[in-house]
Amino acid sequence: MQRPAVLDAFTYPRFRRVWVAGLVSQLGDWMQIIGRAFLAFQLTGKAESVGIVYFATYAPQLIFSLYGGVLADRFDRRRMLILTQVAQAVGSVVLGFLAASGNASVANIAVLSFFLGIGFMLSIPAMQALQPTVVPRSGLSSAISLGTAANSVTRVFGPLLAALLISSAGVEWVFWVNAVSFLAVIAVWATTPIPRQEPMEEERNLDAMRAALRFVRQTPAVSVPIVATGFLMAVGIVYQPLAVVYATDVLADGVRSVGRDYFGWLQAGVGAGAAVGILALAGVGRRRPAATFVATAIAFSVALALLGRVSTFAPALAIIVAVGGFHFANMALALTLVQHEVADAMRGRVMAIHMTALIGFIPFTALVGGLIVDRVGIRTTFTGAGLVCLGFSLLLLRFGRYIRLREEPADEREIVETAVAVGTLIEE
């Protein structure tokens, strides 16, 4: 029986090691995401509190992301990645002690989350530029799909494990387990041989940033996917940070213990849908990238608008599976399109730009979304966001000619130091 093309990257041993380590780390990440949102909402019972914590976590993405890409292109990427993993592990330990001691507040959670966000921001360009030093170009699409699918799988189990751990041992254990999970990434990258890093041509950091921005602006095959996924994230990702509010206030009628469990199941639903969507649409995305990209954007927008119209658990779970499936499939395809267009010497900077588009505006989405929810309600907020995304997605029909997948060179032995766009890009 012939192996599906989407699994081709698993034939490379180094990729398998990196993928497994990422799976372990992302499982811990998702547990911490659930625990942090639950803790913030538990402290005040207001959506605004969740928004403040998310704002603090992802503000560094908008402020420093491009500079992080410059650092990843200029300095030793492996050393940079390991140091940032250690820093994030320490931060998670401290967050756990705050929760365990009863000293946690929205203010100190937000401050600590800001510094954790800096570590996360610096780690992603380095990780993206490092990871598939382990796959040839012929396995790139498979590696990207599998990397994003790993996050989708952990979205299923991470929230469920977090809910179980919070109920049985306390929210602080969620943070401590996440701290331990960073050791997997540290161990693998400390022992994985990688080729020599190409030097960055530009001597000054500002010149390097300008060169990357100019490349993106002058290359529609890169700028269209980046702008499109950035808009859908900036408006549509409201379902992620505010899901705990929807689960508690709408589906559980304000009962927090029930809302906590529903919240875990909704996140698991997103992950299950994402895993199916990414793997199911990977093949058609390679054959017909433009049609697939626009269709998934439209389908995601419609599903998000419908989510705001339901108030019972079963249909909400079914719809959020569709939300996750179409949204993640759209982002995975966009990441594939961009990765195939970028040279290695500029890869860290261009992927930092893509990172800014993907999650740089989440702070404002969470903060503004929380304020809107406290005034008009979570259901109206979800429906409104879905309709805005739908209008934008229909405009993409005019730009389909720019959405393409560059043909692979004849020499499949060529090693391409490009990024597997793992789920940490879109995990929040």
Protein backbone atom coordinates (compact mmCIF):
# COMPACT_ATOMS: atom_id res chain seq x y z
CA MET A 1 0.00 0.00 0.00
CA GLN A 2 1.42 3.35 -1.06
CA ARG A 3 2.17 5.87 1.70
CA PRO A 4 0.14 9.11 1.46
CA ALA A 5 2.27 12.00 0.17
CA VAL A 6 1.41 14.08 3.22
CA LEU A 7 3.46 11.65 5.37
CA ASP A 8 6.64 11.82 3.23
CA ALA A 9 8.55 13.94 5.78
CA PHE A 10 8.36 11.09 8.31
CA THR A 11 10.87 9.15 6.19
CA TYR A 12 13.63 11.49 7.45
CA PRO A 13 14.86 10.44 10.94
CA ARG A 14 15.93 13.92 12.05
CA PHE A 15 12.54 15.33 11.15
CA ARG A 16 10.83 12.60 13.19
CA ARG A 17 12.89 13.54 16.29
CA VAL A 18 12.14 17.23 15.90
CA TRP A 19 8.46 16.54 15.25
CA VAL A 20 8.07 14.38 18.38
CA ALA A 21 9.84 16.98 20.54
CA GLY A 22 7.58 19.67 19.16
CA LEU A 23 4.54 17.52 19.88
CA VAL A 24 5.54 17.17 23.54
CA SER A 25 6.27 20.88 23.93
CA GLN A 26 3.07 21.96 22.21
CA LEU A 27 1.04 19.66 24.45
CA GLY A 28 2.43 21.59 27.41
CA ASP A 29 1.81 24.89 25.63
CA TRP A 30 -1.86 24.11 25.17
CA MET A 31 -2.24 23.07 28.76
CA GLN A 32 -0.78 26.43 29.82
CA ILE A 33 -3.01 28.34 27.39
CA ILE A 34 -6.09 26.79 28.96
CA GLY A 35 -4.79 27.22 32.50
CA ARG A 36 -3.86 30.87 32.02
CA ALA A 37 -7.22 31.80 30.47
CA PHE A 38 -9.09 29.88 33.17
CA LEU A 39 -7.07 31.55 35.95
CA ALA A 40 -7.58 35.06 34.55
CA PHE A 41 -11.33 34.58 34.14
CA GLN A 42 -11.64 32.93 37.57
CA LEU A 43 -10.04 35.92 39.28
CA THR A 44 -12.62 38.48 38.10
CA GLY A 45 -15.33 36.76 36.04
CA LYS A 46 -14.87 39.37 33.30
CA ALA A 47 -13.95 38.88 29.64
CA GLU A 48 -11.84 42.02 29.93
CA SER A 49 -9.42 40.22 32.28
CA VAL A 50 -8.81 37.49 29.71
CA GLY A 51 -8.25 40.17 27.08
CA ILE A 52 -5.70 41.98 29.23
CA VAL A 53 -3.65 38.83 29.77
CA TYR A 54 -3.72 37.95 26.07
CA PHE A 55 -2.74 41.52 25.21
CA ALA A 56 0.29 41.32 27.50
CA THR A 57 1.28 37.91 26.12
CA TYR A 58 1.25 38.91 22.48
CA ALA A 59 2.20 42.58 22.57
CA PRO A 60 5.88 41.54 22.12
CA GLN A 61 4.92 39.92 18.81
CA LEU A 62 3.82 43.23 17.36
CA ILE A 63 6.63 45.26 18.91
CA PHE A 64 9.68 43.02 18.46
CA SER A 65 8.80 40.27 15.98
CA LEU A 66 10.68 41.57 12.94
CA TYR A 67 13.75 42.32 15.04
CA GLY A 68 13.60 38.73 16.32
CA GLY A 69 13.78 37.59 12.70
CA VAL A 70 16.91 39.70 12.18
CA LEU A 71 18.52 38.09 15.23
CA ALA A 72 17.65 34.63 13.89
CA ASP A 73 19.36 35.45 10.59
CA ARG A 74 22.40 37.10 12.20
CA PHE A 75 23.23 34.91 15.23
CA ASP A 76 23.45 31.20 16.01
CA ARG A 77 19.86 29.98 15.67
CA ARG A 78 20.28 26.84 17.75
CA ARG A 79 21.78 28.70 20.70
CA MET A 80 19.07 31.35 20.44
CA LEU A 81 16.34 28.70 20.43
CA ILE A 82 17.71 26.82 23.45
CA LEU A 83 18.15 29.97 25.54
CA THR A 84 14.58 31.11 24.85
CA GLN A 85 13.21 27.67 25.76
CA VAL A 86 15.04 27.79 29.10
CA ALA A 87 13.69 31.29 29.79
CA GLN A 88 10.11 30.23 29.04
CA ALA A 89 10.42 27.17 31.27
CA VAL A 90 11.53 29.36 34.17
CA GLY A 91 8.63 31.73 33.55
CA SER A 92 6.13 28.86 33.62
CA VAL A 93 7.53 27.67 36.96
CA VAL A 94 7.08 31.16 38.44
CA LEU A 95 3.54 31.38 37.08
CA GLY A 96 2.75 28.08 38.80
CA PHE A 97 4.05 29.34 42.15
CA LEU A 98 1.93 32.49 41.85
CA ALA A 99 -1.18 30.36 41.32
CA ALA A 100 -0.27 27.89 44.10
CA SER A 101 0.42 30.59 46.67
CA GLY A 102 -2.79 32.48 46.04
CA ASN A 103 -0.85 35.58 45.02
CA ALA A 104 -1.91 35.50 41.36
CA SER A 105 -3.64 38.62 40.07
CA VAL A 106 -4.52 39.90 36.62
CA ALA A 107 -1.70 42.44 36.95
CA ASN A 108 1.13 40.04 37.83
CA ILE A 109 -0.10 37.39 35.39
CA ALA A 110 -0.07 40.05 32.67
CA VAL A 111 3.45 41.24 33.55
CA LEU A 112 4.84 37.71 33.60
CA SER A 113 2.98 36.87 30.39
CA PHE A 114 4.62 39.87 28.70
CA PHE A 115 8.10 38.51 29.47
CA LEU A 116 7.05 35.01 28.44
CA GLY A 117 5.81 36.57 25.21
CA ILE A 118 9.23 38.06 24.53
CA GLY A 119 10.81 34.61 24.89
CA PHE A 120 8.17 33.09 22.62
CA MET A 121 8.67 35.85 20.03
CA LEU A 122 12.43 35.31 19.91
CA SER A 123 12.13 31.52 19.71
CA ILE A 124 9.76 31.23 16.75
CA PRO A 125 11.89 32.82 13.97
CA ALA A 126 14.86 30.73 15.13
CA MET A 127 12.78 27.53 15.27
CA GLN A 128 11.22 28.18 11.87
CA ALA A 129 14.56 28.82 10.24
CA LEU A 130 16.10 25.74 11.92
CA GLN A 131 13.57 22.96 11.80
CA PRO A 132 13.69 21.52 8.34
CA THR A 133 17.35 21.52 7.92
CA VAL A 134 16.00 17.98 8.12
CA VAL A 135 13.96 17.75 4.91
CA PRO A 136 14.66 18.29 1.20
CA ARG A 137 12.39 20.57 -0.83
CA SER A 138 10.44 17.55 -2.05
CA GLY A 139 9.32 16.94 1.55
CA LEU A 140 8.63 20.57 2.43
CA SER A 141 4.86 20.58 1.92
CA SER A 142 4.57 17.36 3.92
CA ALA A 143 6.72 18.79 6.73
CA ILE A 144 4.64 21.96 6.95
CA SER A 145 1.37 20.03 7.02
CA LEU A 146 2.66 17.59 9.64
CA GLY A 147 4.11 20.36 11.77
CA THR A 148 0.81 22.21 11.85
CA ALA A 149 -1.11 18.97 12.32
CA ALA A 150 0.98 18.27 15.43
CA ASN A 151 -0.38 21.43 16.98
CA SER A 152 -3.87 20.38 15.99
CA VAL A 153 -3.49 17.03 17.75
CA THR A 154 -2.22 18.72 20.91
CA ARG A 155 -5.19 21.08 20.75
CA VAL A 156 -7.38 18.01 21.24
CA PHE A 157 -5.51 16.47 24.17
CA GLY A 158 -3.92 19.54 25.78
CA PRO A 159 -7.19 21.23 26.80
CA LEU A 160 -8.68 17.95 28.04
CA LEU A 161 -5.60 17.18 30.11
CA ALA A 162 -5.57 20.74 31.43
CA ALA A 163 -9.21 20.53 32.52
CA LEU A 164 -8.53 17.18 34.22
CA LEU A 165 -5.39 18.46 35.95
CA ILE A 166 -7.07 21.67 37.12
CA SER A 167 -9.92 19.67 38.63
CA SER A 168 -7.73 17.06 40.32
CA ALA A 169 -4.54 18.89 41.32
CA GLY A 170 -5.00 22.62 40.79
CA VAL A 171 -4.22 25.09 38.02
CA GLU A 172 -0.62 25.52 39.17
CA TRP A 173 0.24 22.00 37.94
CA VAL A 174 -0.69 22.98 34.41
CA PHE A 175 2.11 25.55 34.41
CA TRP A 176 4.64 23.19 35.99
CA VAL A 177 3.93 20.44 33.46
CA ASN A 178 4.44 22.94 30.67
CA ALA A 179 7.80 23.93 32.15
CA VAL A 180 8.97 20.31 31.97
CA SER A 181 7.78 19.96 28.37
CA PHE A 182 10.33 22.53 27.17
CA LEU A 183 13.07 20.01 27.97
CA ALA A 184 12.08 17.93 24.93
CA VAL A 185 12.85 20.74 22.49
CA ILE A 186 16.06 21.65 24.32
CA ALA A 187 17.34 18.07 24.26
CA VAL A 188 16.57 17.42 20.60
CA TRP A 189 18.04 20.62 19.20
CA ALA A 190 21.11 20.35 21.42
CA THR A 191 21.91 16.97 19.84
CA THR A 192 20.68 17.38 16.24
CA PRO A 193 23.40 18.10 13.66
CA ILE A 194 22.60 21.05 11.41
CA PRO A 195 24.36 22.53 8.37
CA ARG A 196 26.32 25.74 8.54
CA GLN A 197 24.12 28.84 8.68
CA GLU A 198 24.42 31.17 5.70
CA PRO A 199 25.65 34.66 6.65
CA MET A 200 23.28 37.61 6.39
CA GLU A 201 24.30 40.04 3.65
CA GLU A 202 23.16 43.25 5.31
CA GLU A 203 25.48 44.57 8.01
CA ARG A 204 23.04 46.88 9.79
CA ASN A 205 19.88 45.57 11.47
CA LEU A 206 17.75 48.39 10.07
CA ASP A 207 18.93 47.66 6.53
CA ALA A 208 18.13 43.99 7.07
CA MET A 209 14.59 44.81 8.17
CA ARG A 210 14.05 47.13 5.22
CA ALA A 211 15.30 44.50 2.78
CA ALA A 212 12.83 41.94 4.11
CA LEU A 213 9.91 44.38 4.05
CA ARG A 214 10.82 45.42 0.51
CA PHE A 215 10.92 41.77 -0.61
CA VAL A 216 7.47 41.08 0.82
CA ARG A 217 6.00 44.27 -0.66
CA GLN A 218 7.42 43.57 -4.11
CA THR A 219 6.47 39.87 -4.19
CA PRO A 220 2.67 39.43 -4.46
CA ALA A 221 3.03 35.65 -4.15
CA VAL A 222 4.27 36.33 -0.60
CA SER A 223 2.36 39.47 0.37
CA VAL A 224 -1.13 38.23 -0.59
CA PRO A 225 -1.07 35.12 1.65
CA ILE A 226 0.52 37.11 4.50
CA VAL A 227 -2.02 39.96 4.35
CA ALA A 228 -4.96 37.58 3.93
CA THR A 229 -4.12 35.29 6.84
CA GLY A 230 -3.17 38.31 8.93
CA PHE A 231 -6.60 39.88 8.47
CA LEU A 232 -8.45 36.65 9.20
CA MET A 233 -6.40 36.23 12.36
CA ALA A 234 -6.76 39.84 13.50
CA VAL A 235 -10.56 39.71 13.25
CA GLY A 236 -11.48 36.03 13.27
CA ILE A 237 -9.23 34.70 16.04
CA VAL A 238 -11.60 36.28 18.57
CA TYR A 239 -13.04 32.78 19.04
CA GLN A 240 -9.76 31.64 20.65
CA PRO A 241 -9.05 34.01 23.56
CA LEU A 242 -12.74 34.49 24.39
CA ALA A 243 -13.83 30.86 24.11
CA VAL A 244 -13.80 30.55 27.90
CA VAL A 245 -16.39 33.34 28.08
CA TYR A 246 -18.59 31.70 25.43
CA ALA A 247 -18.34 28.30 27.12
CA THR A 248 -19.18 29.69 30.58
CA ASP A 249 -21.73 32.44 29.93
CA VAL A 250 -23.57 30.94 26.94
CA LEU A 251 -23.18 27.16 26.92
CA ALA A 252 -23.00 26.63 30.71
CA ASP A 253 -25.41 29.43 31.70
CA GLY A 254 -22.79 30.97 33.99
CA VAL A 255 -21.86 27.79 35.89
CA ARG A 256 -18.06 28.04 35.99
CA SER A 257 -17.30 24.41 36.75
CA VAL A 258 -19.36 23.32 33.74
CA GLY A 259 -17.93 26.15 31.65
CA ARG A 260 -14.40 24.97 32.43
CA ASP A 261 -15.19 21.51 31.05
CA TYR A 262 -17.00 22.92 28.01
CA PHE A 263 -14.04 25.21 27.38
CA GLY A 264 -11.72 22.21 27.25
CA TRP A 265 -14.01 20.37 24.86
CA LEU A 266 -14.33 23.38 22.55
CA GLN A 267 -10.55 23.68 22.32
CA ALA A 268 -10.34 19.95 21.66
CA GLY A 269 -12.94 20.40 18.91
CA VAL A 270 -10.85 23.08 17.26
CA GLY A 271 -7.84 20.78 17.35
CA ALA A 272 -9.71 17.79 15.95
CA GLY A 273 -11.12 19.88 13.12
CA ALA A 274 -7.73 21.41 12.41
CA ALA A 275 -5.99 18.03 12.19
CA VAL A 276 -8.60 16.70 9.77
CA GLY A 277 -8.72 19.90 7.74
CA ILE A 278 -4.96 20.24 7.32
CA LEU A 279 -4.39 16.63 6.29
CA ALA A 280 -7.52 16.34 4.14
CA LEU A 281 -6.87 19.54 2.19
CA ALA A 282 -3.07 19.26 1.88
CA GLY A 283 -3.27 17.42 -1.46
CA VAL A 284 -5.85 19.64 -3.11
CA GLY A 285 -4.02 22.67 -1.75
CA ARG A 286 -0.91 21.67 -3.68
CA ARG A 287 -2.88 21.01 -6.87
CA ARG A 288 -5.18 24.04 -6.72
CA PRO A 289 -3.72 26.48 -4.21
CA ALA A 290 -5.71 29.57 -5.20
CA ALA A 291 -9.12 27.91 -5.13
CA THR A 292 -8.36 26.08 -1.89
CA PHE A 293 -7.02 29.20 -0.17
CA VAL A 294 -10.08 31.32 -0.99
CA ALA A 295 -12.58 28.51 -0.31
CA THR A 296 -11.17 27.77 3.16
CA ALA A 297 -11.22 31.49 4.04
CA ILE A 298 -14.90 31.76 3.06
CA ALA A 299 -15.87 28.54 4.85
CA PHE A 300 -14.08 29.62 8.05
CA SER A 301 -15.89 32.97 8.02
CA VAL A 302 -19.31 31.37 7.61
CA ALA A 303 -18.64 28.84 10.38
CA LEU A 304 -17.54 31.58 12.80
CA ALA A 305 -20.68 33.62 12.10
CA LEU A 306 -22.83 30.53 12.72
CA LEU A 307 -21.05 29.82 16.02
CA GLY A 308 -22.47 33.03 17.42
CA ARG A 309 -25.99 31.90 16.60
CA VAL A 310 -26.04 28.75 18.76
CA SER A 311 -26.37 28.49 22.52
CA THR A 312 -26.26 24.76 23.23
CA PHE A 313 -23.20 22.58 23.57
CA ALA A 314 -23.65 19.88 20.89
CA PRO A 315 -24.17 22.16 17.87
CA ALA A 316 -21.50 24.55 19.17
CA LEU A 317 -18.98 21.70 19.33
CA ALA A 318 -19.85 20.59 15.79
CA ILE A 319 -19.50 24.11 14.40
CA ILE A 320 -16.22 24.84 16.17
CA VAL A 321 -14.77 21.67 14.62
CA ALA A 322 -15.50 23.29 11.24
CA VAL A 323 -14.05 26.62 12.43
CA GLY A 324 -10.77 24.95 13.39
CA GLY A 325 -10.64 22.78 10.27
CA PHE A 326 -11.03 25.57 7.73
CA HIS A 327 -9.00 28.16 9.64
CA PHE A 328 -5.97 25.94 10.21
CA ALA A 329 -6.09 24.52 6.67
CA ASN A 330 -6.07 28.08 5.32
CA MET A 331 -3.08 29.08 7.46
CA ALA A 332 -1.12 25.90 6.69
CA LEU A 333 -1.54 26.54 2.98
CA ALA A 334 -0.48 30.18 3.35
CA LEU A 335 2.64 29.12 5.22
CA THR A 336 3.46 26.64 2.46
CA LEU A 337 3.02 29.29 -0.22
CA VAL A 338 5.32 31.75 1.54
CA GLN A 339 7.99 29.19 2.43
CA HIS A 340 8.35 28.12 -1.21
CA GLU A 341 9.14 31.70 -2.27
CA VAL A 342 11.78 32.70 0.31
CA ALA A 343 15.55 32.26 0.13
CA ASP A 344 17.28 30.97 3.26
CA ALA A 345 19.36 34.09 3.90
CA MET A 346 16.15 36.09 4.37
CA ARG A 347 13.98 33.33 5.82
CA GLY A 348 14.08 34.38 9.48
CA ARG A 349 13.06 37.96 8.69
CA VAL A 350 10.27 37.08 6.24
CA MET A 351 8.85 34.49 8.62
CA ALA A 352 9.00 37.08 11.39
CA ILE A 353 6.87 39.35 9.20
CA HIS A 354 4.46 36.46 8.70
CA MET A 355 4.48 35.87 12.45
CA THR A 356 3.56 39.50 13.03
CA ALA A 357 0.66 39.15 10.62
CA LEU A 358 -0.49 35.88 12.16
CA ILE A 359 -0.40 36.66 15.85
CA GLY A 360 0.97 40.18 16.23
CA PHE A 361 -2.51 41.70 16.36
CA ILE A 362 -3.94 39.13 18.76
CA PRO A 363 -3.28 41.48 21.72
CA PHE A 364 -5.65 44.05 20.26
CA THR A 365 -8.15 41.41 19.14
CA ALA A 366 -8.30 39.98 22.67
CA LEU A 367 -8.38 43.35 24.42
CA VAL A 368 -10.89 45.04 22.12
CA GLY A 369 -12.89 41.82 21.80
CA GLY A 370 -13.17 41.56 25.57
CA LEU A 371 -14.43 45.14 25.81
CA ILE A 372 -16.96 44.53 23.03
CA VAL A 373 -18.17 41.30 24.63
CA ASP A 374 -18.80 43.03 27.95
CA ARG A 375 -21.07 45.47 26.10
CA VAL A 376 -22.83 43.59 23.29
CA GLY A 377 -22.36 39.94 24.28
CA ILE A 378 -20.18 37.10 23.08
CA ARG A 379 -22.67 35.74 20.53
CA THR A 380 -23.00 39.04 18.69
CA THR A 381 -19.22 39.45 18.75
CA PHE A 382 -18.63 36.06 17.13
CA THR A 383 -21.25 36.62 14.44
CA GLY A 384 -20.01 40.11 13.65
CA ALA A 385 -16.41 38.93 13.35
CA GLY A 386 -17.48 36.11 11.02
CA LEU A 387 -19.37 38.49 8.72
CA VAL A 388 -16.42 40.90 8.52
CA CYS A 389 -14.11 38.01 7.63
CA LEU A 390 -16.59 36.83 5.02
CA GLY A 391 -16.61 40.20 3.29
CA PHE A 392 -12.81 40.23 3.19
CA SER A 393 -12.64 36.62 1.97
CA LEU A 394 -14.86 37.40 -1.00
CA LEU A 395 -12.42 40.15 -2.01
CA LEU A 396 -9.69 37.50 -2.28
CA LEU A 397 -11.38 36.24 -5.44
CA ARG A 398 -9.78 39.20 -7.23
CA PHE A 399 -6.27 38.20 -6.18
CA GLY A 400 -6.29 34.50 -6.99
CA ARG A 401 -3.69 34.94 -9.76
CA TYR A 402 -1.07 35.79 -7.13
CA ILE A 403 -1.68 32.65 -5.08
CA ARG A 404 0.65 30.00 -6.46
CA LEU A 405 2.94 27.19 -5.41
CA ARG A 406 6.37 27.46 -7.02
CA GLU A 407 7.47 24.39 -8.93
CA GLU A 408 10.13 22.32 -7.22
CA PRO A 409 13.57 22.13 -8.85
CA ALA A 410 14.48 18.93 -10.70
CA ASP A 411 17.23 18.12 -8.21
CA GLU A 412 15.28 16.80 -5.23
CA ARG A 413 18.50 16.30 -3.28
CA GLU A 414 18.77 20.03 -2.77
CA ILE A 415 18.53 20.74 0.96
CA VAL A 416 16.45 23.75 1.78
CA GLU A 417 16.84 25.34 5.20
CA THR A 418 13.27 26.42 5.51
CA ALA A 419 10.78 26.35 8.30
CA VAL A 420 8.19 23.81 9.21
CA ALA A 421 5.43 26.14 10.20
CA VAL A 422 4.57 24.34 13.38
CA GLY A 423 1.46 25.07 15.34
CA THR A 424 3.18 27.41 17.75
CA LEU A 425 2.70 30.05 15.05
CA ILE A 426 -1.01 29.88 15.52
CA GLU A 427 -1.45 28.29 18.89
CA GLU A 428 -3.21 31.27 20.44
